[in-house]
Amino acid sequence: MSPKTTAKAETTQNETTQNGEVVVASKNAFLLHLVCGLGLAVAFWFAHNIYAVNLVSDPAQTLYLIWVIECPFVIIPYSLFRWNPEKCSFLKAVVRGFLGLPAGALLNTFGAIVLGAPVGSQYMKRTINWSLLMSLFTVVPAASVFGSSWKDWQRLFAYSKPTGVLDYMICIPAHGAAIGAWFGAWPMPLDWERPWQEWPICVTYGAVGGYLAGIVVSLGFTVMYGGRQQHVKGD
C-alpha cells in the first residue's frame, strides 16, 4: 500500500471515529434519513401496486409489507454508525437490530393495549404488525447503535437528553413517531363511522407522519451541530 493510500485511509478513519465515538457528518446523517424515508416510500408503493392493498382495505397485510420492507432500510444504515466500531463489528450491530425488533414490538404492543387498543382476535394481526413497525421507528435504531447500554437508553428515552448528532438521529424520529401515533389515535373514538377510524389505520398514518417530521427536525439539529459528536458513552 502506498503512503498516499495509507494516509487517506487514516484520514477516513479519523473522520469516522474519535476515541471510540462515531462522528457523523451532516451529509451522512442526511443519507441515512433519506434511505429510511425511501424505504417507507418503496413499502407503500409495493403494497399498493404489487399486492393492491392499503391500510384501509387490508391493514394487517399492508403493515406486514411495510415493516418487512422497511426493516433492512433501518437496520443496515444505523448499524454503520454503531458506537465503538473497533469492538463492535457491523454484523454484530445488525444482529442487535434484529433482536431489538421483537423486543420493541412487545413494548409497543403492551403500551398500545394499556392505552386502549382493542384486544380481540380480529385485531391481533393488526396489533402485532403495527408494533413491529413502531419498533423500527423507536427501538431498533438505538439497539443497532448502542446495543444494551442501559445508560444510553435512559438518556435517550427516559430523560430525553440527546447530547450529539447521533443521539438526535435516533431520539427525535422515535419521539416523533410516538407523538404522531398519539395524535393519530384521537379520531378513533369519534362517531364518524369512517373506515379509516379502525385500529390501527389512523394511528399508523400519525406514526409515519410523526416519524417523517422527526427526521426533518433531526436533520435541522444535525446541521446545527455541524457533524460534531458530543456523546459520552455510558458504562
C-alpha atoms as a PDB file:
ATOM      1  CA  MET A   1       0.000   0.000   0.000  1.00  0.00           C
ATOM      2  CA  SER A   2       1.390   3.381  -0.979  1.00  0.00           C
ATOM      3  CA  PRO A   3       1.976   6.126   1.609  1.00  0.00           C
ATOM      4  CA  LYS A   4      -0.683   8.241  -0.079  1.00  0.00           C
ATOM      5  CA  THR A   5      -3.285   5.466   0.205  1.00  0.00           C
ATOM      6  CA  THR A   6      -2.341   4.820   3.821  1.00  0.00           C
ATOM      7  CA  ALA A   7      -2.661   8.493   4.707  1.00  0.00           C
ATOM      8  CA  LYS A   8      -6.072   8.634   3.022  1.00  0.00           C
ATOM      9  CA  ALA A   9      -7.272   5.567   4.966  1.00  0.00           C
ATOM     10  CA  GLU A  10      -6.079   7.048   8.241  1.00  0.00           C
ATOM     11  CA  THR A  11      -7.835  10.333   7.459  1.00  0.00           C
ATOM     12  CA  THR A  12     -11.075   8.486   6.702  1.00  0.00           C
ATOM     13  CA  GLN A  13     -10.804   6.536   9.948  1.00  0.00           C
ATOM     14  CA  ASN A  14     -10.227   9.703  11.958  1.00  0.00           C
ATOM     15  CA  GLU A  15     -13.308  11.214  10.372  1.00  0.00           C
ATOM     16  CA  THR A  16     -15.293   8.116  11.372  1.00  0.00           C
ATOM     17  CA  THR A  17     -14.203   7.607  14.973  1.00  0.00           C
ATOM     18  CA  GLN A  18     -12.618   9.656  17.696  1.00  0.00           C
ATOM     19  CA  ASN A  19     -11.774   7.843  20.943  1.00  0.00           C
ATOM     20  CA  GLY A  20     -14.257   5.123  20.055  1.00  0.00           C
ATOM     21  CA  GLU A  21     -17.069   7.592  19.352  1.00  0.00           C
ATOM     22  CA  VAL A  22     -18.712   7.808  15.957  1.00  0.00           C
ATOM     23  CA  VAL A  23     -18.513  11.222  14.310  1.00  0.00           C
ATOM     24  CA  VAL A  24     -21.450  11.759  11.969  1.00  0.00           C
ATOM     25  CA  ALA A  25     -21.074  14.244   9.132  1.00  0.00           C
ATOM     26  CA  SER A  26     -24.170  16.167   8.100  1.00  0.00           C
ATOM     27  CA  LYS A  27     -24.195  14.576   4.652  1.00  0.00           C
ATOM     28  CA  ASN A  28     -24.058  11.079   6.169  1.00  0.00           C
ATOM     29  CA  ALA A  29     -26.949  11.869   8.510  1.00  0.00           C
ATOM     30  CA  PHE A  30     -28.926  13.165   5.540  1.00  0.00           C
ATOM     31  CA  LEU A  31     -28.204   9.994   3.548  1.00  0.00           C
ATOM     32  CA  LEU A  32     -29.239   7.769   6.453  1.00  0.00           C
ATOM     33  CA  HIS A  33     -32.577   9.521   6.877  1.00  0.00           C
ATOM     34  CA  LEU A  34     -33.051   9.578   3.112  1.00  0.00           C
ATOM     35  CA  VAL A  35     -32.614   5.810   2.992  1.00  0.00           C
ATOM     36  CA  CYS A  36     -35.121   5.308   5.828  1.00  0.00           C
ATOM     37  CA  GLY A  37     -37.656   7.558   4.131  1.00  0.00           C
ATOM     38  CA  LEU A  38     -37.054   5.861   0.794  1.00  0.00           C
ATOM     39  CA  GLY A  39     -37.735   2.509   2.437  1.00  0.00           C
ATOM     40  CA  LEU A  40     -41.168   3.700   3.561  1.00  0.00           C
ATOM     41  CA  ALA A  41     -41.948   5.033   0.084  1.00  0.00           C
ATOM     42  CA  VAL A  42     -40.919   1.728  -1.505  1.00  0.00           C
ATOM     43  CA  ALA A  43     -43.006  -0.214   1.024  1.00  0.00           C
ATOM     44  CA  PHE A  44     -46.176   1.789   0.398  1.00  0.00           C
ATOM     45  CA  TRP A  45     -45.615   1.613  -3.367  1.00  0.00           C
ATOM     46  CA  PHE A  46     -45.044  -2.141  -3.216  1.00  0.00           C
ATOM     47  CA  ALA A  47     -48.189  -2.728  -1.159  1.00  0.00           C
ATOM     48  CA  HIS A  48     -50.332  -0.566  -3.434  1.00  0.00           C
ATOM     49  CA  ASN A  49     -49.005  -1.579  -6.848  1.00  0.00           C
ATOM     50  CA  ILE A  50     -47.923  -5.200  -6.372  1.00  0.00           C
ATOM     51  CA  TYR A  51     -50.396  -6.500  -3.776  1.00  0.00           C
ATOM     52  CA  ALA A  52     -53.161  -3.946  -4.435  1.00  0.00           C
ATOM     53  CA  VAL A  53     -53.731  -3.334  -0.722  1.00  0.00           C
ATOM     54  CA  ASN A  54     -53.577  -0.318   1.555  1.00  0.00           C
ATOM     55  CA  LEU A  55     -54.089   0.454   5.211  1.00  0.00           C
ATOM     56  CA  VAL A  56     -57.838   0.867   4.787  1.00  0.00           C
ATOM     57  CA  SER A  57     -58.556  -2.189   2.633  1.00  0.00           C
ATOM     58  CA  ASP A  58     -56.242  -4.629   4.452  1.00  0.00           C
ATOM     59  CA  PRO A  59     -54.415  -3.110   7.450  1.00  0.00           C
ATOM     60  CA  ALA A  60     -52.730  -6.311   8.639  1.00  0.00           C
ATOM     61  CA  GLN A  61     -51.161  -7.274   5.309  1.00  0.00           C
ATOM     62  CA  THR A  62     -50.202  -3.708   4.471  1.00  0.00           C
ATOM     63  CA  LEU A  63     -48.492  -3.213   7.829  1.00  0.00           C
ATOM     64  CA  TYR A  64     -46.707  -6.531   7.378  1.00  0.00           C
ATOM     65  CA  LEU A  65     -45.375  -5.491   3.978  1.00  0.00           C
ATOM     66  CA  ILE A  66     -44.298  -2.084   5.291  1.00  0.00           C
ATOM     67  CA  TRP A  67     -42.280  -3.317   8.252  1.00  0.00           C
ATOM     68  CA  VAL A  68     -40.700  -6.215   6.324  1.00  0.00           C
ATOM     69  CA  ILE A  69     -39.533  -3.922   3.515  1.00  0.00           C
ATOM     70  CA  GLU A  70     -38.537  -1.086   5.844  1.00  0.00           C
ATOM     71  CA  CYS A  71     -36.537  -3.380   8.143  1.00  0.00           C
ATOM     72  CA  PRO A  72     -33.254  -3.518   6.146  1.00  0.00           C
ATOM     73  CA  PHE A  73     -33.595   0.181   5.274  1.00  0.00           C
ATOM     74  CA  VAL A  74     -33.349   0.928   9.017  1.00  0.00           C
ATOM     75  CA  ILE A  75     -31.081  -1.734  10.479  1.00  0.00           C
ATOM     76  CA  ILE A  76     -28.296  -1.655   7.882  1.00  0.00           C
ATOM     77  CA  PRO A  77     -27.729   2.139   7.787  1.00  0.00           C
ATOM     78  CA  TYR A  78     -27.889   2.569  11.561  1.00  0.00           C
ATOM     79  CA  SER A  79     -25.507  -0.361  12.053  1.00  0.00           C
ATOM     80  CA  LEU A  80     -22.919   1.580  10.061  1.00  0.00           C
ATOM     81  CA  PHE A  81     -22.966   4.192  12.854  1.00  0.00           C
ATOM     82  CA  ARG A  82     -22.608   1.698  15.706  1.00  0.00           C
ATOM     83  CA  TRP A  83     -20.825   3.015  18.757  1.00  0.00           C
ATOM     84  CA  ASN A  84     -17.216   1.893  19.171  1.00  0.00           C
ATOM     85  CA  PRO A  85     -16.860   0.109  15.804  1.00  0.00           C
ATOM     86  CA  GLU A  86     -13.390  -1.136  16.755  1.00  0.00           C
ATOM     87  CA  LYS A  87     -15.011  -3.508  19.280  1.00  0.00           C
ATOM     88  CA  CYS A  88     -18.417  -3.997  17.661  1.00  0.00           C
ATOM     89  CA  SER A  89     -18.490  -5.414  14.139  1.00  0.00           C
ATOM     90  CA  PHE A  90     -21.065  -4.417  11.557  1.00  0.00           C
ATOM     91  CA  LEU A  91     -22.575  -7.908  11.675  1.00  0.00           C
ATOM     92  CA  LYS A  92     -22.963  -7.725  15.447  1.00  0.00           C
ATOM     93  CA  ALA A  93     -24.745  -4.385  15.142  1.00  0.00           C
ATOM     94  CA  VAL A  94     -27.103  -5.852  12.529  1.00  0.00           C
ATOM     95  CA  VAL A  95     -27.878  -8.792  14.810  1.00  0.00           C
ATOM     96  CA  ARG A  96     -28.577  -6.381  17.675  1.00  0.00           C
ATOM     97  CA  GLY A  97     -31.014  -4.528  15.429  1.00  0.00           C
ATOM     98  CA  PHE A  98     -32.884  -7.705  14.513  1.00  0.00           C
ATOM     99  CA  LEU A  99     -33.026  -8.756  18.171  1.00  0.00           C
ATOM    100  CA  GLY A 100     -34.344  -5.336  19.108  1.00  0.00           C
ATOM    101  CA  LEU A 101     -37.205  -5.664  16.608  1.00  0.00           C
ATOM    102  CA  PRO A 102     -39.344  -8.224  18.527  1.00  0.00           C
ATOM    103  CA  ALA A 103     -38.305  -6.760  21.879  1.00  0.00           C
ATOM    104  CA  GLY A 104     -39.509  -3.325  20.826  1.00  0.00           C
ATOM    105  CA  ALA A 105     -42.684  -4.845  19.380  1.00  0.00           C
ATOM    106  CA  LEU A 106     -43.532  -6.364  22.754  1.00  0.00           C
ATOM    107  CA  LEU A 107     -43.122  -2.986  24.441  1.00  0.00           C
ATOM    108  CA  ASN A 108     -45.232  -1.235  21.826  1.00  0.00           C
ATOM    109  CA  THR A 109     -47.928  -3.914  21.996  1.00  0.00           C
ATOM    110  CA  PHE A 110     -48.133  -3.578  25.758  1.00  0.00           C
ATOM    111  CA  GLY A 111     -48.261   0.200  25.553  1.00  0.00           C
ATOM    112  CA  ALA A 112     -50.960   0.144  22.873  1.00  0.00           C
ATOM    113  CA  ILE A 113     -53.168  -2.224  24.856  1.00  0.00           C
ATOM    114  CA  VAL A 114     -52.727  -0.230  28.056  1.00  0.00           C
ATOM    115  CA  LEU A 115     -53.753   2.925  26.190  1.00  0.00           C
ATOM    116  CA  GLY A 116     -56.908   1.285  24.848  1.00  0.00           C
ATOM    117  CA  ALA A 117     -56.079  -0.676  21.711  1.00  0.00           C
ATOM    118  CA  PRO A 118     -58.630  -3.446  21.012  1.00  0.00           C
ATOM    119  CA  VAL A 119     -57.573  -6.925  22.083  1.00  0.00           C
ATOM    120  CA  GLY A 120     -59.973  -9.113  20.092  1.00  0.00           C
ATOM    121  CA  SER A 121     -58.634 -11.886  17.877  1.00  0.00           C
ATOM    122  CA  GLN A 122     -59.661  -9.980  14.746  1.00  0.00           C
ATOM    123  CA  TYR A 123     -57.255  -7.190  15.698  1.00  0.00           C
ATOM    124  CA  MET A 124     -54.326  -9.357  16.821  1.00  0.00           C
ATOM    125  CA  LYS A 125     -52.511  -9.439  13.459  1.00  0.00           C
ATOM    126  CA  ARG A 126     -53.002  -5.713  13.066  1.00  0.00           C
ATOM    127  CA  THR A 127     -51.588  -5.000  16.518  1.00  0.00           C
ATOM    128  CA  ILE A 128     -48.567  -7.265  16.063  1.00  0.00           C
ATOM    129  CA  ASN A 129     -47.630  -5.821  12.666  1.00  0.00           C
ATOM    130  CA  TRP A 130     -48.215  -2.253  13.855  1.00  0.00           C
ATOM    131  CA  SER A 131     -45.997  -2.905  16.885  1.00  0.00           C
ATOM    132  CA  LEU A 132     -43.219  -4.264  14.674  1.00  0.00           C
ATOM    133  CA  LEU A 133     -43.366  -1.132  12.532  1.00  0.00           C
ATOM    134  CA  MET A 134     -43.287   1.076  15.621  1.00  0.00           C
ATOM    135  CA  SER A 135     -40.309  -0.912  16.881  1.00  0.00           C
ATOM    136  CA  LEU A 136     -38.443   0.010  13.678  1.00  0.00           C
ATOM    137  CA  PHE A 137     -39.191   3.660  14.347  1.00  0.00           C
ATOM    138  CA  THR A 138     -38.314   3.677  18.040  1.00  0.00           C
ATOM    139  CA  VAL A 139     -36.253   0.773  19.396  1.00  0.00           C
ATOM    140  CA  VAL A 140     -34.317  -0.771  16.522  1.00  0.00           C
ATOM    141  CA  PRO A 141     -32.061   2.229  15.681  1.00  0.00           C
ATOM    142  CA  ALA A 142     -30.915   2.510  19.298  1.00  0.00           C
ATOM    143  CA  ALA A 143     -30.391  -1.252  19.512  1.00  0.00           C
ATOM    144  CA  SER A 144     -28.218  -1.237  16.388  1.00  0.00           C
ATOM    145  CA  VAL A 145     -26.125   1.706  17.573  1.00  0.00           C
ATOM    146  CA  PHE A 146     -25.870   1.273  21.353  1.00  0.00           C
ATOM    147  CA  GLY A 147     -26.783  -2.355  21.960  1.00  0.00           C
ATOM    148  CA  SER A 148     -27.842  -2.975  25.546  1.00  0.00           C
ATOM    149  CA  SER A 149     -26.201   0.073  27.124  1.00  0.00           C
ATOM    150  CA  TRP A 150     -28.788   0.947  29.783  1.00  0.00           C
ATOM    151  CA  LYS A 151     -27.414   4.419  30.448  1.00  0.00           C
ATOM    152  CA  ASP A 152     -27.668   5.354  26.786  1.00  0.00           C
ATOM    153  CA  TRP A 153     -31.243   4.088  26.623  1.00  0.00           C
ATOM    154  CA  GLN A 154     -32.150   6.027  29.752  1.00  0.00           C
ATOM    155  CA  ARG A 155     -30.590   9.203  28.410  1.00  0.00           C
ATOM    156  CA  LEU A 156     -32.419   8.993  25.099  1.00  0.00           C
ATOM    157  CA  PHE A 157     -35.848   7.735  26.114  1.00  0.00           C
ATOM    158  CA  ALA A 158     -36.301   8.219  29.854  1.00  0.00           C
ATOM    159  CA  TYR A 159     -34.575  11.579  30.275  1.00  0.00           C
ATOM    160  CA  SER A 160     -34.801  12.722  26.614  1.00  0.00           C
ATOM    161  CA  LYS A 161     -31.340  14.287  26.806  1.00  0.00           C
ATOM    162  CA  PRO A 162     -29.538  13.696  23.495  1.00  0.00           C
ATOM    163  CA  THR A 163     -26.007  15.042  23.541  1.00  0.00           C
ATOM    164  CA  GLY A 164     -24.864  14.897  19.919  1.00  0.00           C
ATOM    165  CA  VAL A 165     -25.714  14.312  16.282  1.00  0.00           C
ATOM    166  CA  LEU A 166     -26.011  10.540  16.560  1.00  0.00           C
ATOM    167  CA  ASP A 167     -28.337  10.853  19.546  1.00  0.00           C
ATOM    168  CA  TYR A 168     -30.580  13.288  17.676  1.00  0.00           C
ATOM    169  CA  MET A 169     -30.678  10.938  14.675  1.00  0.00           C
ATOM    170  CA  ILE A 170     -32.144   8.240  16.923  1.00  0.00           C
ATOM    171  CA  CYS A 171     -34.103  10.172  19.529  1.00  0.00           C
ATOM    172  CA  ILE A 172     -36.076  12.748  17.553  1.00  0.00           C
ATOM    173  CA  PRO A 173     -37.606  10.441  14.887  1.00  0.00           C
ATOM    174  CA  ALA A 174     -38.520   7.946  17.639  1.00  0.00           C
ATOM    175  CA  HIS A 175     -40.266  10.614  19.690  1.00  0.00           C
ATOM    176  CA  GLY A 176     -41.895  11.939  16.522  1.00  0.00           C
ATOM    177  CA  ALA A 177     -43.360   8.509  15.743  1.00  0.00           C
ATOM    178  CA  ALA A 178     -44.698   8.081  19.283  1.00  0.00           C
ATOM    179  CA  ILE A 179     -46.225  11.572  19.371  1.00  0.00           C
ATOM    180  CA  GLY A 180     -47.667  11.131  15.878  1.00  0.00           C
ATOM    181  CA  ALA A 181     -49.266   7.821  16.871  1.00  0.00           C
ATOM    182  CA  TRP A 182     -50.762   9.507  19.934  1.00  0.00           C
ATOM    183  CA  PHE A 183     -52.343  12.272  17.902  1.00  0.00           C
ATOM    184  CA  GLY A 184     -53.361   9.785  15.218  1.00  0.00           C
ATOM    185  CA  ALA A 185     -55.455   7.912  17.788  1.00  0.00           C
ATOM    186  CA  TRP A 186     -57.654  10.922  18.544  1.00  0.00           C
ATOM    187  CA  PRO A 187     -60.148  10.411  15.683  1.00  0.00           C
ATOM    188  CA  MET A 188     -60.723   6.737  16.561  1.00  0.00           C
ATOM    189  CA  PRO A 189     -63.438   7.193  19.230  1.00  0.00           C
ATOM    190  CA  LEU A 190     -65.303   9.874  17.272  1.00  0.00           C
ATOM    191  CA  ASP A 191     -68.667   8.823  15.892  1.00  0.00           C
ATOM    192  CA  TRP A 192     -67.848   9.487  12.247  1.00  0.00           C
ATOM    193  CA  GLU A 193     -68.203   5.875  11.064  1.00  0.00           C
ATOM    194  CA  ARG A 194     -65.340   6.190   8.624  1.00  0.00           C
ATOM    195  CA  PRO A 195     -63.355   3.092   7.520  1.00  0.00           C
ATOM    196  CA  TRP A 196     -60.020   4.746   8.337  1.00  0.00           C
ATOM    197  CA  GLN A 197     -61.042   5.094  12.010  1.00  0.00           C
ATOM    198  CA  GLU A 198     -60.486   1.367  12.514  1.00  0.00           C
ATOM    199  CA  TRP A 199     -57.490   0.303  14.604  1.00  0.00           C
ATOM    200  CA  PRO A 200     -54.667   0.964  13.769  1.00  0.00           C
ATOM    201  CA  ILE A 201     -55.135   2.834  10.476  1.00  0.00           C
ATOM    202  CA  CYS A 202     -55.128   6.458  11.594  1.00  0.00           C
ATOM    203  CA  VAL A 203     -52.600   5.619  14.322  1.00  0.00           C
ATOM    204  CA  THR A 204     -50.243   4.276  11.661  1.00  0.00           C
ATOM    205  CA  TYR A 205     -50.641   7.342   9.477  1.00  0.00           C
ATOM    206  CA  GLY A 206     -49.971   9.501  12.527  1.00  0.00           C
ATOM    207  CA  ALA A 207     -46.868   7.487  13.442  1.00  0.00           C
ATOM    208  CA  VAL A 208     -45.468   7.643   9.900  1.00  0.00           C
ATOM    209  CA  GLY A 209     -46.173  11.371   9.684  1.00  0.00           C
ATOM    210  CA  GLY A 210     -44.586  11.989  13.075  1.00  0.00           C
ATOM    211  CA  TYR A 211     -41.576   9.872  12.140  1.00  0.00           C
ATOM    212  CA  LEU A 212     -41.001  11.806   8.918  1.00  0.00           C
ATOM    213  CA  ALA A 213     -41.431  15.114  10.756  1.00  0.00           C
ATOM    214  CA  GLY A 214     -38.911  13.877  13.334  1.00  0.00           C
ATOM    215  CA  ILE A 215     -36.457  13.131  10.538  1.00  0.00           C
ATOM    216  CA  VAL A 216     -36.731  16.711   9.276  1.00  0.00           C
ATOM    217  CA  VAL A 217     -36.220  18.133  12.787  1.00  0.00           C
ATOM    218  CA  SER A 218     -33.313  15.748  13.352  1.00  0.00           C
ATOM    219  CA  LEU A 219     -31.638  16.998  10.174  1.00  0.00           C
ATOM    220  CA  GLY A 220     -32.015  20.549  11.484  1.00  0.00           C
ATOM    221  CA  PHE A 221     -30.131  19.626  14.653  1.00  0.00           C
ATOM    222  CA  THR A 222     -27.544  17.802  12.551  1.00  0.00           C
ATOM    223  CA  VAL A 223     -26.840  20.954  10.555  1.00  0.00           C
ATOM    224  CA  MET A 224     -26.729  22.956  13.788  1.00  0.00           C
ATOM    225  CA  TYR A 225     -24.114  20.649  15.279  1.00  0.00           C
ATOM    226  CA  GLY A 226     -22.182  20.599  12.007  1.00  0.00           C
ATOM    227  CA  GLY A 227     -21.255  16.920  12.199  1.00  0.00           C
ATOM    228  CA  ARG A 228     -19.671  17.189  15.644  1.00  0.00           C
ATOM    229  CA  GLN A 229     -20.213  14.364  18.115  1.00  0.00           C
ATOM    230  CA  GLN A 230     -20.549  15.107  21.815  1.00  0.00           C
ATOM    231  CA  HIS A 231     -21.850  11.770  23.008  1.00  0.00           C
ATOM    232  CA  VAL A 232     -20.311  10.368  26.187  1.00  0.00           C
ATOM    233  CA  LYS A 233     -20.628   6.606  26.321  1.00  0.00           C
ATOM    234  CA  GLY A 234     -22.292   5.084  29.340  1.00  0.00           C
ATOM    235  CA  ASP A 235     -20.789   2.128  31.143  1.00  0.00           C
END
